[in-house]
């Protein structure tokens, strides 16, 4: 289907390094920040002696902490390949994975299965070896959450009434469920996930001022939270959960389609009270794009070239710039201008910035230059998207 011009992708804040195998949409998703671990001594070992540092790195071998999530009573498959992919070294092998403090870990030929009947956080130590028989150890953390809570790293939605969970590293769709409200298709225009893993969706009902829904991430069944997110006649063009995890921040488009179109950022508190983050008088407009709170605590908002001083000066060839906003002080700074058009969704993964284009291309973005590198043409166009903070 053709995406309406005013629609957008959701910003995607990703916190993954690699992806394991999946079962029932439970995902082994790796945290973006490797741990700082001790290394062996600088002196070379005697010939024919195995190098055995306690943890961390040795001659290029490095073990990183891994963060995963699964629902209670849902088996999570953790492949040896995914553990190896999260680490650095040559010819790596998984030597062992210890038993967790919560739940049960079962060994199989290709890796391990983890399951827990209780909600909580499970930790276990794993050890890897390389071609020189060096060894290194780090920790696997599995967050076990309620059955309705989001556990995949990335979710996408569209006006087609489907909820997709995806592997953002490959663009592979892991699971697709019907997105419904009162048994009927919910036309979704954006999504957001709070720090507890609760998934929310915004509909596309412009005439009603748009409504907010809480979504069961496993079944796609939505429950109405509140209506009239923006003034009727305006458009809600982007949505994110705010810094306190309870408020929602939206980009409100005023006088849509007219020559005096402007955008503002508004905050909606848990009691429905609205306040202004960035006023329309600031002069920013959007074409597609979104606003999202990312792991560094700042809001990132895509703005058109016409309202971006940086893009006007750069003449980079794209159609959007990126505005960084401090939600506490409301100060803004333009930080990038894209070299390609219509890069709507952004997110951090593997210490890099990624985005989705209007044609469904997954790209890596260099924020210091605005240049993009194609990762994969996914073939999917998401009007709304959200990443999962419980995996950050």
Protein backbone atom coordinates (compact mmCIF):
# COMPACT_ATOMS: atom_id res chain seq x y z
CA UNK A 1 0.00 0.00 0.00
CA UNK A 2 1.10 3.56 -0.61
CA UNK A 3 2.02 5.48 2.49
CA UNK A 4 0.25 8.84 2.95
CA UNK A 5 2.70 11.71 2.71
CA UNK A 6 2.07 12.87 6.24
CA UNK A 7 2.63 9.46 7.77
CA UNK A 8 5.86 8.42 9.33
CA UNK A 9 8.01 5.67 10.59
CA UNK A 10 8.60 5.53 14.31
CA UNK A 11 12.05 6.26 15.56
CA UNK A 12 13.68 2.98 16.48
CA UNK A 13 15.92 2.94 19.51
CA UNK A 14 17.67 -0.37 19.22
CA UNK A 15 19.98 -1.99 21.69
CA UNK A 16 21.22 -5.08 19.94
CA UNK A 17 24.50 -6.52 18.85
CA UNK A 18 23.33 -9.79 17.45
CA UNK A 19 20.34 -12.10 17.32
CA UNK A 20 19.95 -15.64 18.57
CA UNK A 21 17.34 -18.17 17.49
CA UNK A 22 13.74 -17.50 18.48
CA UNK A 23 10.83 -19.40 19.89
CA UNK A 24 7.32 -18.00 20.38
CA UNK A 25 8.73 -14.57 19.54
CA UNK A 26 11.08 -14.61 22.54
CA UNK A 27 14.34 -13.12 21.43
CA UNK A 28 17.95 -13.34 22.48
CA UNK A 29 18.80 -9.70 22.05
CA UNK A 30 22.16 -8.35 23.05
CA UNK A 31 22.89 -5.14 24.92
CA UNK A 32 24.75 -2.41 23.09
CA UNK A 33 27.37 -1.72 25.74
CA UNK A 34 30.04 -4.38 26.28
CA UNK A 35 31.23 -4.83 29.84
CA UNK A 36 34.66 -3.75 30.97
CA UNK A 37 36.39 -6.90 32.06
CA UNK A 38 39.83 -7.75 33.33
CA UNK A 39 42.43 -9.14 30.94
CA UNK A 40 45.45 -11.39 31.35
CA UNK A 41 48.93 -10.15 32.12
CA UNK A 42 51.09 -8.63 29.40
CA UNK A 43 53.76 -11.30 29.67
CA UNK A 44 53.65 -14.07 27.07
CA UNK A 45 52.86 -17.56 28.39
CA UNK A 46 55.36 -20.40 28.07
CA UNK A 47 55.19 -22.37 24.85
CA UNK A 48 52.49 -25.05 24.73
CA UNK A 49 50.76 -23.52 27.75
CA UNK A 50 47.06 -22.67 27.51
CA UNK A 51 46.19 -19.01 28.07
CA UNK A 52 43.49 -18.84 30.73
CA UNK A 53 42.63 -15.32 31.87
CA UNK A 54 39.75 -15.26 34.35
CA UNK A 55 37.41 -13.03 32.35
CA UNK A 56 37.35 -10.37 29.70
CA UNK A 57 39.80 -10.17 26.81
CA UNK A 58 43.09 -11.74 25.73
CA UNK A 59 44.90 -11.20 22.43
CA UNK A 60 41.72 -10.11 20.65
CA UNK A 61 39.37 -12.43 22.51
CA UNK A 62 36.63 -10.51 24.29
CA UNK A 63 33.51 -11.66 26.14
CA UNK A 64 30.60 -9.23 26.42
CA UNK A 65 27.60 -9.20 28.72
CA UNK A 66 24.39 -10.20 26.92
CA UNK A 67 20.86 -9.02 27.74
CA UNK A 68 17.82 -11.05 26.67
CA UNK A 69 14.09 -11.05 27.44
CA UNK A 70 11.28 -13.58 27.44
CA UNK A 71 7.74 -13.93 28.75
CA UNK A 72 6.98 -16.03 31.80
CA UNK A 73 6.49 -19.74 30.93
CA UNK A 74 7.74 -19.13 27.37
CA UNK A 75 10.88 -21.00 26.32
CA UNK A 76 13.72 -18.84 25.05
CA UNK A 77 16.19 -20.46 22.67
CA UNK A 78 19.76 -19.15 23.00
CA UNK A 79 21.93 -20.49 20.21
CA UNK A 80 25.69 -20.95 20.45
CA UNK A 81 25.94 -18.93 17.24
CA UNK A 82 24.25 -15.93 18.84
CA UNK A 83 26.56 -16.04 21.85
CA UNK A 84 29.59 -16.18 19.56
CA UNK A 85 28.26 -13.29 17.46
CA UNK A 86 28.13 -11.07 20.55
CA UNK A 87 31.86 -11.46 21.16
CA UNK A 88 35.22 -10.78 19.54
CA UNK A 89 37.96 -13.22 18.57
CA UNK A 90 38.90 -15.89 16.05
CA UNK A 91 37.33 -19.36 15.74
CA UNK A 92 35.23 -18.87 18.87
CA UNK A 93 33.44 -21.70 20.62
CA UNK A 94 31.05 -21.74 23.56
CA UNK A 95 32.70 -23.77 26.30
CA UNK A 96 29.91 -23.61 28.88
CA UNK A 97 26.91 -21.73 30.23
CA UNK A 98 26.21 -21.97 33.94
CA UNK A 99 22.85 -22.56 35.56
CA UNK A 100 20.79 -19.41 36.23
CA UNK A 101 19.64 -18.16 39.62
CA UNK A 102 16.06 -18.12 38.29
CA UNK A 103 14.40 -20.61 35.94
CA UNK A 104 15.91 -23.60 34.18
CA UNK A 105 18.56 -23.86 31.47
CA UNK A 106 18.66 -26.98 29.30
CA UNK A 107 21.54 -27.82 26.99
CA UNK A 108 20.90 -28.92 23.40
CA UNK A 109 23.11 -29.55 20.37
CA UNK A 110 22.94 -26.00 19.00
CA UNK A 111 22.78 -24.10 22.29
CA UNK A 112 20.44 -23.81 25.25
CA UNK A 113 16.77 -23.40 26.15
CA UNK A 114 15.78 -21.19 29.06
CA UNK A 115 12.36 -21.02 30.73
CA UNK A 116 11.03 -19.59 33.97
CA UNK A 117 7.65 -19.94 35.66
CA UNK A 118 8.27 -16.79 37.69
CA UNK A 119 8.76 -13.15 36.74
CA UNK A 120 12.19 -11.76 37.58
CA UNK A 121 15.76 -11.42 36.35
CA UNK A 122 17.88 -14.50 35.68
CA UNK A 123 21.66 -14.31 35.43
CA UNK A 124 24.19 -16.91 34.36
CA UNK A 125 27.88 -16.95 33.47
CA UNK A 126 29.11 -18.18 30.10
CA UNK A 127 32.63 -19.00 28.91
CA UNK A 128 34.02 -18.90 25.36
CA UNK A 129 37.32 -20.10 23.87
CA UNK A 130 39.26 -19.13 20.75
CA UNK A 131 41.64 -20.86 18.33
CA UNK A 132 44.58 -20.34 20.72
CA UNK A 133 42.71 -21.89 23.64
CA UNK A 134 42.35 -18.52 25.33
CA UNK A 135 39.18 -18.34 27.41
CA UNK A 136 36.96 -15.46 28.51
CA UNK A 137 33.77 -15.22 30.54
CA UNK A 138 30.88 -12.80 30.84
CA UNK A 139 27.27 -12.74 31.98
CA UNK A 140 23.92 -13.50 30.32
CA UNK A 141 20.94 -11.67 31.82
CA UNK A 142 17.40 -12.77 30.94
CA UNK A 143 14.53 -10.50 31.91
CA UNK A 144 11.40 -12.61 32.49
CA UNK A 145 8.25 -10.49 32.13
CA UNK A 146 4.48 -10.94 32.06
CA UNK A 147 2.90 -12.60 29.02
CA UNK A 148 1.52 -9.35 27.58
CA UNK A 149 4.83 -7.44 27.78
CA UNK A 150 6.98 -6.79 24.71
CA UNK A 151 10.14 -8.90 24.51
CA UNK A 152 11.28 -8.47 20.90
CA UNK A 153 13.68 -5.57 20.27
CA UNK A 154 11.60 -3.92 17.54
CA UNK A 155 7.91 -3.69 16.65
CA UNK A 156 6.32 -2.23 13.55
CA UNK A 157 2.74 -1.42 12.52
CA UNK A 158 0.85 -0.02 9.56
CA UNK A 159 -2.65 0.86 8.42
CA UNK A 160 -3.06 -2.79 7.38
CA UNK A 161 -3.98 -3.77 10.95
CA UNK A 162 -0.99 -5.98 11.71
CA UNK A 163 1.60 -5.91 14.48
CA UNK A 164 5.06 -7.08 13.43
CA UNK A 165 7.98 -8.06 15.64
CA UNK A 166 11.31 -7.99 13.89
CA UNK A 167 15.02 -8.67 14.09
CA UNK A 168 16.42 -5.19 13.39
CA UNK A 169 19.86 -6.52 12.45
CA UNK A 170 18.51 -8.43 9.44
CA UNK A 171 15.05 -6.94 8.87
CA UNK A 172 13.53 -10.42 9.26
CA UNK A 173 9.93 -10.56 10.49
CA UNK A 174 9.80 -12.89 13.49
CA UNK A 175 6.08 -12.83 14.15
CA UNK A 176 2.95 -11.18 12.77
CA UNK A 177 -0.34 -10.90 14.68
CA UNK A 178 -3.61 -9.06 14.02
CA UNK A 179 -3.76 -5.64 15.67
CA UNK A 180 -7.35 -5.26 16.84
CA UNK A 181 -9.62 -3.12 19.00
CA UNK A 182 -13.02 -4.56 19.98
CA UNK A 183 -12.50 -7.29 17.39
CA UNK A 184 -11.93 -4.87 14.52
CA UNK A 185 -8.76 -3.92 12.66
CA UNK A 186 -6.82 -1.10 14.29
CA UNK A 187 -5.20 1.19 11.74
CA UNK A 188 -1.93 2.03 13.48
CA UNK A 189 0.07 5.17 12.70
CA UNK A 190 2.78 4.98 15.39
CA UNK A 191 3.97 3.02 18.42
CA UNK A 192 5.92 3.48 21.64
CA UNK A 193 7.21 1.18 24.38
CA UNK A 194 7.85 2.34 27.96
CA UNK A 195 10.68 1.21 30.24
CA UNK A 196 8.50 -1.58 31.63
CA UNK A 197 7.97 -3.07 28.17
CA UNK A 198 4.35 -1.94 27.81
CA UNK A 199 3.47 -1.41 24.16
CA UNK A 200 1.26 1.50 23.01
CA UNK A 201 -0.20 2.37 19.62
CA UNK A 202 -1.75 5.49 18.09
CA UNK A 203 -4.57 5.17 15.57
CA UNK A 204 -5.01 7.12 12.31
CA UNK A 205 -8.35 8.77 13.10
CA UNK A 206 -7.58 12.39 12.23
CA UNK A 207 -11.23 13.44 12.51
CA UNK A 208 -11.32 12.35 16.15
CA UNK A 209 -7.99 13.86 17.12
CA UNK A 210 -6.35 10.40 17.30
CA UNK A 211 -6.54 7.91 20.19
CA UNK A 212 -3.98 6.06 22.28
CA UNK A 213 -4.20 2.30 22.93
CA UNK A 214 -2.31 -0.15 25.12
CA UNK A 215 -1.46 -3.30 23.15
CA UNK A 216 -0.89 -6.86 24.30
CA UNK A 217 2.41 -7.55 22.50
CA UNK A 218 1.70 -11.29 22.31
CA UNK A 219 -1.84 -11.18 20.89
CA UNK A 220 -2.12 -7.72 19.31
CA UNK A 221 -5.34 -6.99 21.25
CA UNK A 222 -5.61 -3.27 22.04
CA UNK A 223 -7.31 -1.47 24.94
CA UNK A 224 -8.36 2.17 24.59
CA UNK A 225 -6.43 4.54 26.90
CA UNK A 226 -7.47 8.05 25.81
CA UNK A 227 -8.75 10.03 22.84
CA UNK A 228 -8.24 13.54 21.45
CA UNK A 229 -4.44 13.40 21.60
CA UNK A 230 -4.25 16.55 19.49
CA UNK A 231 -6.64 19.35 18.55
CA UNK A 232 -9.15 18.23 15.93
CA UNK A 233 -8.04 19.38 12.51
CA UNK A 234 -4.37 18.98 13.47
CA UNK A 235 -2.35 15.83 12.85
CA UNK A 236 -0.45 13.68 15.36
CA UNK A 237 2.67 12.90 13.36
CA UNK A 238 4.90 11.16 15.90
CA UNK A 239 4.83 9.67 19.38
CA UNK A 240 7.23 8.59 22.10
CA UNK A 241 7.15 7.81 25.80
CA UNK A 242 8.53 10.70 27.83
CA UNK A 243 11.43 10.76 30.30
CA UNK A 244 9.29 9.80 33.30
CA UNK A 245 7.99 6.68 31.50
CA UNK A 246 4.38 7.77 31.99
CA UNK A 247 3.86 10.84 29.82
CA UNK A 248 3.63 10.73 26.03
CA UNK A 249 5.26 13.25 23.73
CA UNK A 250 3.72 13.88 20.31
CA UNK A 251 4.53 16.01 17.32
CA UNK A 252 1.39 17.99 16.50
CA UNK A 253 1.05 19.30 12.94
CA UNK A 254 -0.87 22.57 12.69
CA UNK A 255 -2.58 23.76 9.50
CA UNK A 256 -1.63 20.53 7.70
CA UNK A 257 -1.07 20.79 3.97
CA UNK A 258 -1.18 24.57 3.93
CA UNK A 259 1.56 27.11 3.26
CA UNK A 260 1.67 28.08 6.94
CA UNK A 261 2.00 24.49 8.26
CA UNK A 262 4.04 24.21 11.46
CA UNK A 263 4.75 21.55 14.07
CA UNK A 264 5.00 21.65 17.84
CA UNK A 265 6.01 19.04 20.41
CA UNK A 266 3.47 18.49 23.17
CA UNK A 267 3.57 16.38 26.32
CA UNK A 268 0.50 14.50 27.60
CA UNK A 269 0.68 13.53 31.27
CA UNK A 270 -0.87 10.37 32.72
CA UNK A 271 -3.92 12.41 33.76
CA UNK A 272 -4.35 13.74 30.21
CA UNK A 273 -3.08 17.27 30.91
CA UNK A 274 -1.15 18.68 27.93
CA UNK A 275 1.85 20.99 27.96
CA UNK A 276 4.18 22.38 25.30
CA UNK A 277 7.73 21.09 24.86
CA UNK A 278 8.63 22.95 21.63
CA UNK A 279 6.11 25.59 20.46
CA UNK A 280 4.94 25.99 16.87
CA UNK A 281 6.47 29.46 16.96
CA UNK A 282 9.91 27.80 16.88
CA UNK A 283 9.22 27.37 13.17
CA UNK A 284 9.95 23.66 12.68
CA UNK A 285 8.04 21.47 10.22
CA UNK A 286 8.16 17.75 9.49
CA UNK A 287 7.85 15.54 6.44
CA UNK A 288 7.20 12.04 7.72
CA UNK A 289 9.70 11.26 10.44
CA UNK A 290 8.99 11.07 14.13
CA UNK A 291 10.16 12.02 17.58
CA UNK A 292 11.58 9.49 20.04
CA UNK A 293 13.32 9.47 23.39
CA UNK A 294 16.58 7.52 23.02
CA UNK A 295 18.79 5.81 25.61
CA UNK A 296 20.92 8.92 26.19
CA UNK A 297 17.87 10.73 27.61
CA UNK A 298 17.48 13.19 24.71
CA UNK A 299 14.59 13.59 22.29
CA UNK A 300 15.40 13.29 18.58
CA UNK A 301 13.07 14.92 16.07
CA UNK A 302 13.29 14.86 12.28
CA UNK A 303 12.60 18.21 10.63
CA UNK A 304 12.36 19.31 7.01
CA UNK A 305 15.25 20.86 5.14
CA UNK A 306 13.20 24.03 4.82
CA UNK A 307 13.34 24.57 8.59
CA UNK A 308 16.84 23.19 9.15
CA UNK A 309 19.65 25.71 8.99
CA UNK A 310 22.16 22.87 8.93
CA UNK A 311 20.53 21.23 5.91
CA UNK A 312 20.30 24.53 4.03
CA UNK A 313 24.03 25.06 4.51
CA UNK A 314 25.03 21.46 3.86
CA UNK A 315 23.02 20.98 0.65
CA UNK A 316 23.35 17.26 1.38
CA UNK A 317 20.61 16.01 -0.95
CA UNK A 318 18.30 14.57 1.66
CA UNK A 319 14.91 15.82 2.79
CA UNK A 320 15.41 15.87 6.57
CA UNK A 321 17.59 17.04 9.37
CA UNK A 322 17.74 15.79 12.96
CA UNK A 323 17.07 18.01 15.95
CA UNK A 324 18.40 16.97 19.37
CA UNK A 325 16.29 18.22 22.30
CA UNK A 326 17.06 18.28 26.02
CA UNK A 327 13.65 17.45 27.56
CA UNK A 328 14.60 19.12 30.85
CA UNK A 329 15.80 22.49 29.52
CA UNK A 330 14.01 22.30 26.13
CA UNK A 331 17.17 23.49 24.40
CA UNK A 332 17.65 22.31 20.83
CA UNK A 333 20.61 21.59 18.56
CA UNK A 334 20.65 20.51 14.93
CA UNK A 335 23.06 17.62 14.68
CA UNK A 336 22.76 16.08 11.20
CA UNK A 337 21.42 16.43 7.67
CA UNK A 338 20.80 13.24 5.72
CA UNK A 339 22.38 12.64 2.31
CA UNK A 340 19.37 10.54 1.22
CA UNK A 341 15.69 11.40 1.11
CA UNK A 342 12.98 10.15 3.46
CA UNK A 343 14.99 8.51 6.25
CA UNK A 344 12.14 8.40 8.71
CA UNK A 345 12.97 5.96 11.50
CA UNK A 346 16.16 6.12 13.55
CA UNK A 347 17.64 3.92 16.25
CA UNK A 348 20.88 2.98 17.94
CA UNK A 349 22.36 -0.53 17.64
CA UNK A 350 25.89 -1.87 17.91
CA UNK A 351 27.14 1.63 18.73
CA UNK A 352 25.77 2.91 15.41
CA UNK A 353 22.69 4.77 14.24
CA UNK A 354 20.23 3.02 11.91
CA UNK A 355 17.17 4.24 10.01
CA UNK A 356 14.35 3.09 7.74
CA UNK A 357 13.56 4.82 4.47
CA UNK A 358 10.19 5.47 2.87
CA UNK A 359 10.82 2.48 0.59
CA UNK A 360 11.62 0.06 3.41
CA UNK A 361 15.42 0.21 3.22
CA UNK A 362 17.38 -0.34 6.43
CA UNK A 363 20.41 1.97 6.48
CA UNK A 364 23.24 2.86 8.83
CA UNK A 365 23.62 6.59 9.45
CA UNK A 366 26.79 8.49 10.32
CA UNK A 367 25.54 11.38 12.43
CA UNK A 368 28.80 13.27 12.10
CA UNK A 369 28.35 13.49 8.32
CA UNK A 370 24.71 12.55 7.66
CA UNK A 371 25.82 9.87 5.19
CA UNK A 372 23.86 6.63 4.93
CA UNK A 373 24.99 3.10 4.10
CA UNK A 374 22.46 0.53 2.87
CA UNK A 375 22.17 -2.53 5.12
CA UNK A 376 19.17 -4.26 3.50
CA UNK A 377 16.03 -3.57 1.48
CA UNK A 378 13.44 -5.12 3.81
CA UNK A 379 10.45 -4.83 1.47
CA UNK A 380 8.35 -3.54 4.38
CA UNK A 381 7.10 0.00 4.93
CA UNK A 382 6.19 0.75 8.53
CA UNK A 383 4.14 3.82 9.35
CA UNK A 384 4.72 3.24 13.07
CA UNK A 385 7.63 1.59 14.84
CA UNK A 386 9.13 1.32 18.30
CA UNK A 387 12.13 -0.25 19.98
CA UNK A 388 12.14 -1.96 23.34
CA UNK A 389 13.80 -0.10 26.25
CA UNK A 390 13.91 -3.21 28.45
CA UNK A 391 16.71 -4.41 26.17
CA UNK A 392 18.71 -1.16 26.25
